[in-house]
Amino acid sequence: MKKILFILSIAFALNATAQTSVDEINLIQDLYGKSKADVVNEYLSLSDAQAAAFQPIYDKYETERKALSQQKILILEDYGKNYATLSDAKATELTSKNLKYNQDSEKLLAKTHSKLVKAIGGINAAKFVQLEQYLQVTIRAEIQDVIPFIGELDKTKKH
């Protein structure tokens, strides 16, 4: 079953490069019944002045985060294409790319947090970071659930 889900997820990833934001929106809507922007706005419940200061920072963050997400999709596609014949060199390359993606995502969130502290205050900025991390962990867990560990699908493969 997991093999079928993995194949479907890779097929999805191959077609998803242009659809990342739509797929994330659909996943969040499936999980929470609303769009990510609605979830964020409802959770933060900012005053009109705070919302006006928040929105351009949030829009810039989402644009940069979605661009980073494209990198993650490429990593997943590469993993799917090379899963059956994964070499030490390819495993190292993919792991390095994935670690860099994670670092870049954290740097983007930290940079955004600094801007939000100035714009909407420390508590609201912390609430945003907390919610964003929760949403990203939830999305990552959904993806991770269908991606097999190295060697998982071929138990006879020598390690």
N, C-alpha and C. Protein backbone atom coordinates (compact mmCIF):
# COMPACT_ATOMS: atom_id res chain seq x y z
N MET A 1 0.82 -1.19 0.00
CA MET A 1 0.00 0.00 0.00
C MET A 1 0.86 1.26 0.00
N LYS A 2 1.90 1.26 0.85
CA LYS A 2 2.76 2.44 0.91
C LYS A 2 3.47 2.66 -0.43
N LYS A 3 3.81 1.55 -1.12
CA LYS A 3 4.45 1.68 -2.42
C LYS A 3 3.52 2.38 -3.41
N ILE A 4 2.25 2.03 -3.40
CA ILE A 4 1.28 2.68 -4.28
C ILE A 4 1.16 4.15 -3.93
N LEU A 5 1.09 4.46 -2.64
CA LEU A 5 1.00 5.86 -2.22
C LEU A 5 2.25 6.62 -2.63
N PHE A 6 3.42 5.99 -2.52
CA PHE A 6 4.66 6.65 -2.91
C PHE A 6 4.64 6.96 -4.40
N ILE A 7 4.26 5.99 -5.21
CA ILE A 7 4.20 6.20 -6.66
C ILE A 7 3.23 7.33 -6.99
N LEU A 8 2.07 7.32 -6.32
CA LEU A 8 1.10 8.39 -6.53
C LEU A 8 1.65 9.74 -6.09
N SER A 9 2.37 9.76 -4.96
CA SER A 9 2.91 11.03 -4.48
C SER A 9 3.97 11.56 -5.42
N ILE A 10 4.77 10.69 -5.99
CA ILE A 10 5.79 11.13 -6.94
C ILE A 10 5.10 11.64 -8.22
N ALA A 11 4.08 10.94 -8.67
CA ALA A 11 3.34 11.41 -9.84
C ALA A 11 2.73 12.78 -9.54
N PHE A 12 2.20 12.91 -8.34
CA PHE A 12 1.65 14.19 -7.90
C PHE A 12 2.74 15.25 -7.90
N ALA A 13 3.91 14.92 -7.36
CA ALA A 13 5.00 15.89 -7.28
C ALA A 13 5.46 16.32 -8.67
N LEU A 14 5.50 15.38 -9.60
CA LEU A 14 5.93 15.71 -10.95
C LEU A 14 4.96 16.70 -11.61
N ASN A 15 3.70 16.61 -11.25
CA ASN A 15 2.69 17.52 -11.81
C ASN A 15 2.46 18.74 -10.94
N ALA A 16 3.06 18.79 -9.76
CA ALA A 16 2.71 19.81 -8.78
C ALA A 16 3.54 21.07 -8.83
N THR A 17 4.60 21.08 -9.59
CA THR A 17 5.49 22.24 -9.55
C THR A 17 4.72 23.54 -9.80
N ALA A 18 3.82 23.55 -10.73
CA ALA A 18 3.05 24.77 -10.99
C ALA A 18 1.86 24.92 -10.07
N GLN A 19 1.57 23.89 -9.26
CA GLN A 19 0.37 23.90 -8.45
C GLN A 19 0.65 23.96 -6.96
N THR A 20 1.87 24.26 -6.53
CA THR A 20 2.22 24.18 -5.12
C THR A 20 1.28 24.96 -4.23
N SER A 21 1.05 26.22 -4.54
CA SER A 21 0.21 27.02 -3.66
C SER A 21 -1.22 26.48 -3.65
N VAL A 22 -1.72 26.00 -4.78
CA VAL A 22 -3.06 25.43 -4.83
C VAL A 22 -3.13 24.18 -3.97
N ASP A 23 -2.12 23.32 -4.06
CA ASP A 23 -2.11 22.09 -3.29
C ASP A 23 -2.00 22.36 -1.79
N GLU A 24 -1.18 23.33 -1.41
CA GLU A 24 -1.08 23.69 0.00
C GLU A 24 -2.40 24.24 0.50
N ILE A 25 -3.04 25.07 -0.30
CA ILE A 25 -4.34 25.62 0.08
C ILE A 25 -5.34 24.49 0.24
N ASN A 26 -5.36 23.56 -0.71
CA ASN A 26 -6.29 22.44 -0.62
C ASN A 26 -6.03 21.59 0.62
N LEU A 27 -4.76 21.34 0.92
CA LEU A 27 -4.42 20.55 2.10
C LEU A 27 -4.88 21.27 3.36
N ILE A 28 -4.60 22.55 3.45
CA ILE A 28 -5.01 23.31 4.64
C ILE A 28 -6.53 23.38 4.71
N GLN A 29 -7.19 23.57 3.58
CA GLN A 29 -8.65 23.60 3.59
C GLN A 29 -9.21 22.24 4.01
N ASP A 30 -8.59 21.16 3.55
CA ASP A 30 -9.03 19.83 3.96
C ASP A 30 -8.85 19.65 5.47
N LEU A 31 -7.74 20.15 6.00
CA LEU A 31 -7.46 19.97 7.42
C LEU A 31 -8.27 20.91 8.30
N TYR A 32 -8.48 22.14 7.84
CA TYR A 32 -9.09 23.16 8.70
C TYR A 32 -10.38 23.74 8.17
N GLY A 33 -10.75 23.40 6.94
CA GLY A 33 -11.99 23.92 6.38
C GLY A 33 -11.92 25.36 5.92
N LYS A 34 -10.72 25.92 5.78
CA LYS A 34 -10.56 27.31 5.32
C LYS A 34 -9.19 27.49 4.70
N SER A 35 -8.99 28.62 4.03
CA SER A 35 -7.70 28.89 3.41
C SER A 35 -6.66 29.23 4.47
N LYS A 36 -5.39 29.14 4.10
CA LYS A 36 -4.32 29.46 5.04
C LYS A 36 -4.44 30.91 5.50
N ALA A 37 -4.69 31.82 4.58
CA ALA A 37 -4.81 33.24 4.96
C ALA A 37 -5.94 33.41 5.97
N ASP A 38 -7.05 32.70 5.76
CA ASP A 38 -8.16 32.79 6.71
C ASP A 38 -7.77 32.23 8.08
N VAL A 39 -7.04 31.12 8.08
CA VAL A 39 -6.58 30.52 9.34
C VAL A 39 -5.67 31.50 10.07
N VAL A 40 -4.72 32.09 9.35
CA VAL A 40 -3.77 33.03 9.94
C VAL A 40 -4.51 34.26 10.48
N ASN A 41 -5.37 34.85 9.67
CA ASN A 41 -6.09 36.05 10.10
C ASN A 41 -7.00 35.78 11.29
N GLU A 42 -7.66 34.65 11.27
CA GLU A 42 -8.55 34.31 12.39
C GLU A 42 -7.75 34.09 13.67
N TYR A 43 -6.64 33.39 13.56
CA TYR A 43 -5.83 33.10 14.74
C TYR A 43 -5.21 34.37 15.33
N LEU A 44 -4.69 35.23 14.48
CA LEU A 44 -4.03 36.44 14.97
C LEU A 44 -5.04 37.48 15.46
N SER A 45 -6.20 37.53 14.85
CA SER A 45 -7.24 38.54 15.14
C SER A 45 -6.64 39.91 15.46
N LEU A 46 -6.01 40.46 14.44
CA LEU A 46 -5.34 41.76 14.55
C LEU A 46 -6.33 42.90 14.42
N SER A 47 -5.98 44.05 14.99
CA SER A 47 -6.76 45.27 14.78
C SER A 47 -6.60 45.67 13.31
N ASP A 48 -7.41 46.58 12.85
CA ASP A 48 -7.31 47.04 11.46
C ASP A 48 -5.93 47.62 11.16
N ALA A 49 -5.39 48.39 12.07
CA ALA A 49 -4.06 48.99 11.87
C ALA A 49 -2.99 47.91 11.84
N GLN A 50 -3.08 46.94 12.74
CA GLN A 50 -2.11 45.85 12.75
C GLN A 50 -2.23 45.01 11.48
N ALA A 51 -3.46 44.74 11.07
CA ALA A 51 -3.68 43.94 9.85
C ALA A 51 -3.08 44.64 8.63
N ALA A 52 -3.21 45.96 8.58
CA ALA A 52 -2.64 46.72 7.47
C ALA A 52 -1.12 46.64 7.47
N ALA A 53 -0.50 46.62 8.65
CA ALA A 53 0.96 46.50 8.75
C ALA A 53 1.40 45.06 8.48
N PHE A 54 0.58 44.10 8.88
CA PHE A 54 0.91 42.68 8.74
C PHE A 54 0.87 42.21 7.30
N GLN A 55 -0.16 42.60 6.55
CA GLN A 55 -0.44 42.02 5.24
C GLN A 55 0.72 42.09 4.26
N PRO A 56 1.39 43.23 4.06
CA PRO A 56 2.49 43.23 3.08
C PRO A 56 3.67 42.34 3.51
N ILE A 57 3.91 42.26 4.81
CA ILE A 57 5.00 41.39 5.30
C ILE A 57 4.62 39.93 5.06
N TYR A 58 3.37 39.59 5.36
CA TYR A 58 2.88 38.23 5.15
C TYR A 58 2.89 37.86 3.67
N ASP A 59 2.45 38.77 2.82
CA ASP A 59 2.43 38.50 1.37
C ASP A 59 3.84 38.24 0.85
N LYS A 60 4.80 39.03 1.29
CA LYS A 60 6.20 38.82 0.87
C LYS A 60 6.71 37.48 1.39
N TYR A 61 6.40 37.18 2.64
CA TYR A 61 6.80 35.89 3.22
C TYR A 61 6.23 34.73 2.40
N GLU A 62 4.94 34.79 2.10
CA GLU A 62 4.30 33.70 1.36
C GLU A 62 4.91 33.54 -0.04
N THR A 63 5.22 34.65 -0.70
CA THR A 63 5.85 34.58 -2.02
C THR A 63 7.20 33.86 -1.93
N GLU A 64 8.01 34.25 -0.94
CA GLU A 64 9.33 33.63 -0.78
C GLU A 64 9.21 32.18 -0.30
N ARG A 65 8.26 31.90 0.57
CA ARG A 65 8.07 30.54 1.07
C ARG A 65 7.63 29.61 -0.05
N LYS A 66 6.74 30.09 -0.91
CA LYS A 66 6.28 29.27 -2.03
C LYS A 66 7.42 28.99 -3.01
N ALA A 67 8.30 29.96 -3.21
CA ALA A 67 9.47 29.73 -4.07
C ALA A 67 10.36 28.65 -3.46
N LEU A 68 10.55 28.69 -2.15
CA LEU A 68 11.32 27.65 -1.48
C LEU A 68 10.64 26.28 -1.61
N SER A 69 9.31 26.29 -1.53
CA SER A 69 8.57 25.04 -1.64
C SER A 69 8.80 24.37 -2.99
N GLN A 70 9.03 25.19 -4.02
CA GLN A 70 9.35 24.62 -5.34
C GLN A 70 10.64 23.79 -5.27
N GLN A 71 11.61 24.28 -4.48
CA GLN A 71 12.85 23.52 -4.30
C GLN A 71 12.58 22.18 -3.64
N LYS A 72 11.69 22.17 -2.65
CA LYS A 72 11.36 20.92 -1.96
C LYS A 72 10.72 19.94 -2.93
N ILE A 73 9.86 20.41 -3.79
CA ILE A 73 9.23 19.54 -4.77
C ILE A 73 10.28 18.93 -5.70
N LEU A 74 11.25 19.74 -6.12
CA LEU A 74 12.31 19.22 -6.98
C LEU A 74 13.13 18.15 -6.26
N ILE A 75 13.38 18.34 -4.97
CA ILE A 75 14.10 17.34 -4.18
C ILE A 75 13.28 16.05 -4.13
N LEU A 76 11.98 16.15 -3.89
CA LEU A 76 11.12 14.97 -3.83
C LEU A 76 11.05 14.26 -5.18
N GLU A 77 10.97 15.05 -6.25
CA GLU A 77 10.97 14.46 -7.59
C GLU A 77 12.26 13.69 -7.84
N ASP A 78 13.38 14.30 -7.49
CA ASP A 78 14.69 13.68 -7.68
C ASP A 78 14.79 12.39 -6.86
N TYR A 79 14.31 12.42 -5.63
CA TYR A 79 14.30 11.24 -4.78
C TYR A 79 13.47 10.13 -5.42
N GLY A 80 12.28 10.49 -5.91
CA GLY A 80 11.42 9.51 -6.54
C GLY A 80 12.04 8.89 -7.78
N LYS A 81 12.69 9.71 -8.59
CA LYS A 81 13.32 9.22 -9.81
C LYS A 81 14.50 8.29 -9.51
N ASN A 82 15.19 8.55 -8.41
CA ASN A 82 16.41 7.81 -8.10
C ASN A 82 16.25 6.79 -6.98
N TYR A 83 15.06 6.64 -6.44
CA TYR A 83 14.84 5.78 -5.28
C TYR A 83 15.35 4.36 -5.50
N ALA A 84 15.00 3.77 -6.62
CA ALA A 84 15.33 2.37 -6.87
C ALA A 84 16.83 2.13 -7.06
N THR A 85 17.56 3.16 -7.47
CA THR A 85 18.99 2.99 -7.76
C THR A 85 19.85 3.96 -6.95
N LEU A 86 19.38 4.33 -5.78
CA LEU A 86 20.04 5.35 -4.97
C LEU A 86 21.48 4.96 -4.62
N SER A 87 22.41 5.82 -5.00
CA SER A 87 23.82 5.61 -4.68
C SER A 87 24.20 6.45 -3.47
N ASP A 88 25.39 6.21 -2.93
CA ASP A 88 25.88 7.03 -1.82
C ASP A 88 25.95 8.50 -2.22
N ALA A 89 26.46 8.75 -3.41
CA ALA A 89 26.62 10.13 -3.87
C ALA A 89 25.26 10.83 -4.01
N LYS A 90 24.28 10.14 -4.59
CA LYS A 90 22.96 10.74 -4.78
C LYS A 90 22.27 10.93 -3.43
N ALA A 91 22.41 9.98 -2.53
CA ALA A 91 21.82 10.11 -1.20
C ALA A 91 22.41 11.32 -0.48
N THR A 92 23.71 11.50 -0.59
CA THR A 92 24.38 12.65 0.03
C THR A 92 23.91 13.96 -0.59
N GLU A 93 23.81 13.98 -1.91
CA GLU A 93 23.34 15.18 -2.62
C GLU A 93 21.92 15.56 -2.18
N LEU A 94 21.02 14.58 -2.17
CA LEU A 94 19.64 14.85 -1.80
C LEU A 94 19.51 15.29 -0.34
N THR A 95 20.27 14.65 0.52
CA THR A 95 20.25 15.02 1.94
C THR A 95 20.77 16.44 2.13
N SER A 96 21.85 16.78 1.45
CA SER A 96 22.40 18.13 1.54
C SER A 96 21.40 19.17 1.04
N LYS A 97 20.75 18.89 -0.07
CA LYS A 97 19.75 19.81 -0.60
C LYS A 97 18.58 19.97 0.37
N ASN A 98 18.15 18.86 0.96
CA ASN A 98 17.04 18.92 1.90
C ASN A 98 17.41 19.71 3.16
N LEU A 99 18.61 19.50 3.67
CA LEU A 99 19.06 20.25 4.85
C LEU A 99 19.17 21.74 4.55
N LYS A 100 19.66 22.08 3.34
CA LYS A 100 19.74 23.49 2.95
C LYS A 100 18.34 24.09 2.83
N TYR A 101 17.42 23.34 2.26
CA TYR A 101 16.03 23.80 2.17
C TYR A 101 15.49 24.11 3.57
N ASN A 102 15.72 23.20 4.50
CA ASN A 102 15.24 23.41 5.88
C ASN A 102 15.87 24.66 6.50
N GLN A 103 17.17 24.85 6.30
CA GLN A 103 17.85 26.04 6.82
C GLN A 103 17.28 27.32 6.20
N ASP A 104 17.10 27.30 4.89
CA ASP A 104 16.57 28.47 4.19
C ASP A 104 15.15 28.80 4.66
N SER A 105 14.35 27.78 4.90
CA SER A 105 12.99 27.99 5.40
C SER A 105 13.01 28.63 6.79
N GLU A 106 13.90 28.14 7.65
CA GLU A 106 14.01 28.70 9.00
C GLU A 106 14.54 30.13 8.97
N LYS A 107 15.51 30.41 8.08
CA LYS A 107 16.03 31.78 7.93
C LYS A 107 14.93 32.73 7.48
N LEU A 108 14.11 32.29 6.53
CA LEU A 108 13.01 33.12 6.04
C LEU A 108 12.02 33.41 7.16
N LEU A 109 11.69 32.41 7.94
CA LEU A 109 10.75 32.61 9.04
C LEU A 109 11.35 33.54 10.10
N ALA A 110 12.63 33.39 10.39
CA ALA A 110 13.29 34.26 11.38
C ALA A 110 13.32 35.71 10.89
N LYS A 111 13.62 35.90 9.61
CA LYS A 111 13.65 37.26 9.02
C LYS A 111 12.25 37.88 9.09
N THR A 112 11.25 37.08 8.77
CA THR A 112 9.87 37.57 8.80
C THR A 112 9.46 37.89 10.24
N HIS A 113 9.86 37.06 11.18
CA HIS A 113 9.54 37.30 12.59
C HIS A 113 10.08 38.66 13.02
N SER A 114 11.32 38.96 12.67
CA SER A 114 11.92 40.25 13.05
C SER A 114 11.10 41.42 12.51
N LYS A 115 10.65 41.31 11.28
CA LYS A 115 9.84 42.38 10.69
C LYS A 115 8.48 42.48 11.38
N LEU A 116 7.91 41.33 11.73
CA LEU A 116 6.59 41.33 12.36
C LEU A 116 6.64 41.89 13.78
N VAL A 117 7.73 41.64 14.50
CA VAL A 117 7.86 42.20 15.85
C VAL A 117 7.71 43.71 15.79
N LYS A 118 8.38 44.33 14.82
CA LYS A 118 8.31 45.79 14.67
C LYS A 118 6.92 46.25 14.21
N ALA A 119 6.26 45.45 13.39
CA ALA A 119 4.99 45.86 12.79
C ALA A 119 3.78 45.57 13.66
N ILE A 120 3.77 44.41 14.34
CA ILE A 120 2.56 44.01 15.08
C ILE A 120 2.83 43.59 16.52
N GLY A 121 4.08 43.73 16.97
CA GLY A 121 4.40 43.41 18.35
C GLY A 121 4.88 41.97 18.54
N GLY A 122 5.57 41.78 19.65
CA GLY A 122 6.19 40.49 19.93
C GLY A 122 5.22 39.34 20.10
N ILE A 123 4.12 39.57 20.79
CA ILE A 123 3.17 38.47 21.02
C ILE A 123 2.53 38.05 19.71
N ASN A 124 2.07 39.00 18.92
CA ASN A 124 1.45 38.65 17.63
C ASN A 124 2.45 38.01 16.68
N ALA A 125 3.69 38.49 16.69
CA ALA A 125 4.73 37.90 15.85
C ALA A 125 5.00 36.46 16.29
N ALA A 126 5.03 36.25 17.60
CA ALA A 126 5.25 34.89 18.13
C ALA A 126 4.08 33.98 17.76
N LYS A 127 2.87 34.51 17.83
CA LYS A 127 1.69 33.72 17.44
C LYS A 127 1.77 33.31 15.98
N PHE A 128 2.22 34.24 15.12
CA PHE A 128 2.35 33.91 13.70
C PHE A 128 3.37 32.79 13.51
N VAL A 129 4.54 32.93 14.14
CA VAL A 129 5.58 31.91 13.99
C VAL A 129 5.08 30.57 14.50
N GLN A 130 4.43 30.58 15.63
CA GLN A 130 3.91 29.34 16.21
C GLN A 130 2.92 28.67 15.25
N LEU A 131 2.00 29.45 14.70
CA LEU A 131 1.03 28.90 13.76
C LEU A 131 1.70 28.42 12.48
N GLU A 132 2.61 29.22 11.95
CA GLU A 132 3.31 28.84 10.72
C GLU A 132 4.08 27.54 10.90
N GLN A 133 4.78 27.40 12.01
CA GLN A 133 5.51 26.16 12.27
C GLN A 133 4.57 24.98 12.40
N TYR A 134 3.45 25.19 13.04
CA TYR A 134 2.46 24.12 13.18
C TYR A 134 1.94 23.69 11.81
N LEU A 135 1.57 24.66 10.98
CA LEU A 135 1.07 24.33 9.64
C LEU A 135 2.12 23.62 8.80
N GLN A 136 3.38 24.10 8.87
CA GLN A 136 4.44 23.47 8.08
C GLN A 136 4.73 22.05 8.55
N VAL A 137 4.73 21.84 9.86
CA VAL A 137 4.96 20.49 10.40
C VAL A 137 3.81 19.57 9.96
N THR A 138 2.60 20.08 9.98
CA THR A 138 1.44 19.28 9.56
C THR A 138 1.55 18.89 8.10
N ILE A 139 1.91 19.85 7.26
CA ILE A 139 2.08 19.57 5.83
C ILE A 139 3.23 18.59 5.60
N ARG A 140 4.35 18.81 6.28
CA ARG A 140 5.49 17.90 6.15
C ARG A 140 5.13 16.49 6.59
N ALA A 141 4.34 16.38 7.65
CA ALA A 141 3.93 15.06 8.14
C ALA A 141 3.06 14.35 7.10
N GLU A 142 2.18 15.08 6.45
CA GLU A 142 1.34 14.50 5.41
C GLU A 142 2.20 13.98 4.26
N ILE A 143 3.18 14.76 3.87
CA ILE A 143 4.08 14.34 2.78
C ILE A 143 4.94 13.16 3.23
N GLN A 144 5.53 13.27 4.41
CA GLN A 144 6.43 12.23 4.91
C GLN A 144 5.73 10.89 5.05
N ASP A 145 4.45 10.94 5.34
CA ASP A 145 3.69 9.71 5.53
C ASP A 145 3.64 8.84 4.29
N VAL A 146 3.77 9.45 3.10
CA VAL A 146 3.68 8.66 1.87
C VAL A 146 5.03 8.44 1.20
N ILE A 147 6.09 9.00 1.75
CA ILE A 147 7.41 8.82 1.15
C ILE A 147 8.15 7.75 1.94
N PRO A 148 8.58 6.70 1.27
CA PRO A 148 9.24 5.62 2.00
C PRO A 148 10.67 5.98 2.42
N PHE A 149 11.09 5.35 3.49
CA PHE A 149 12.48 5.46 3.89
C PHE A 149 13.34 4.74 2.86
N ILE A 150 14.60 5.09 2.80
CA ILE A 150 15.52 4.45 1.87
C ILE A 150 15.53 2.96 2.15
N GLY A 151 15.28 2.16 1.10
CA GLY A 151 15.30 0.72 1.22
C GLY A 151 14.00 0.10 1.73
N GLU A 152 13.04 0.90 2.13
CA GLU A 152 11.80 0.38 2.71
C GLU A 152 10.99 -0.47 1.72
N LEU A 153 10.96 -0.06 0.47
CA LEU A 153 10.15 -0.77 -0.51
C LEU A 153 10.83 -2.01 -1.05
N ASP A 154 12.10 -2.12 -0.84
CA ASP A 154 12.82 -3.30 -1.32
C ASP A 154 13.61 -3.88 -0.16
N LYS A 155 12.96 -4.69 0.63
CA LYS A 155 13.58 -5.27 1.83
C LYS A 155 14.75 -6.18 1.49
N THR A 156 14.84 -6.65 0.24
CA THR A 156 15.94 -7.53 -0.14
C THR A 156 17.17 -6.78 -0.57
N LYS A 157 17.06 -5.46 -0.76
CA LYS A 157 18.20 -4.65 -1.17
C LYS A 157 19.26 -4.62 -0.08
N LYS A 158 20.49 -4.81 -0.48
CA LYS A 158 21.62 -4.79 0.46
C LYS A 158 21.94 -3.35 0.82
N HIS A 159 22.21 -3.08 2.09
CA HIS A 159 22.51 -1.71 2.55
C HIS A 159 23.97 -1.47 2.62
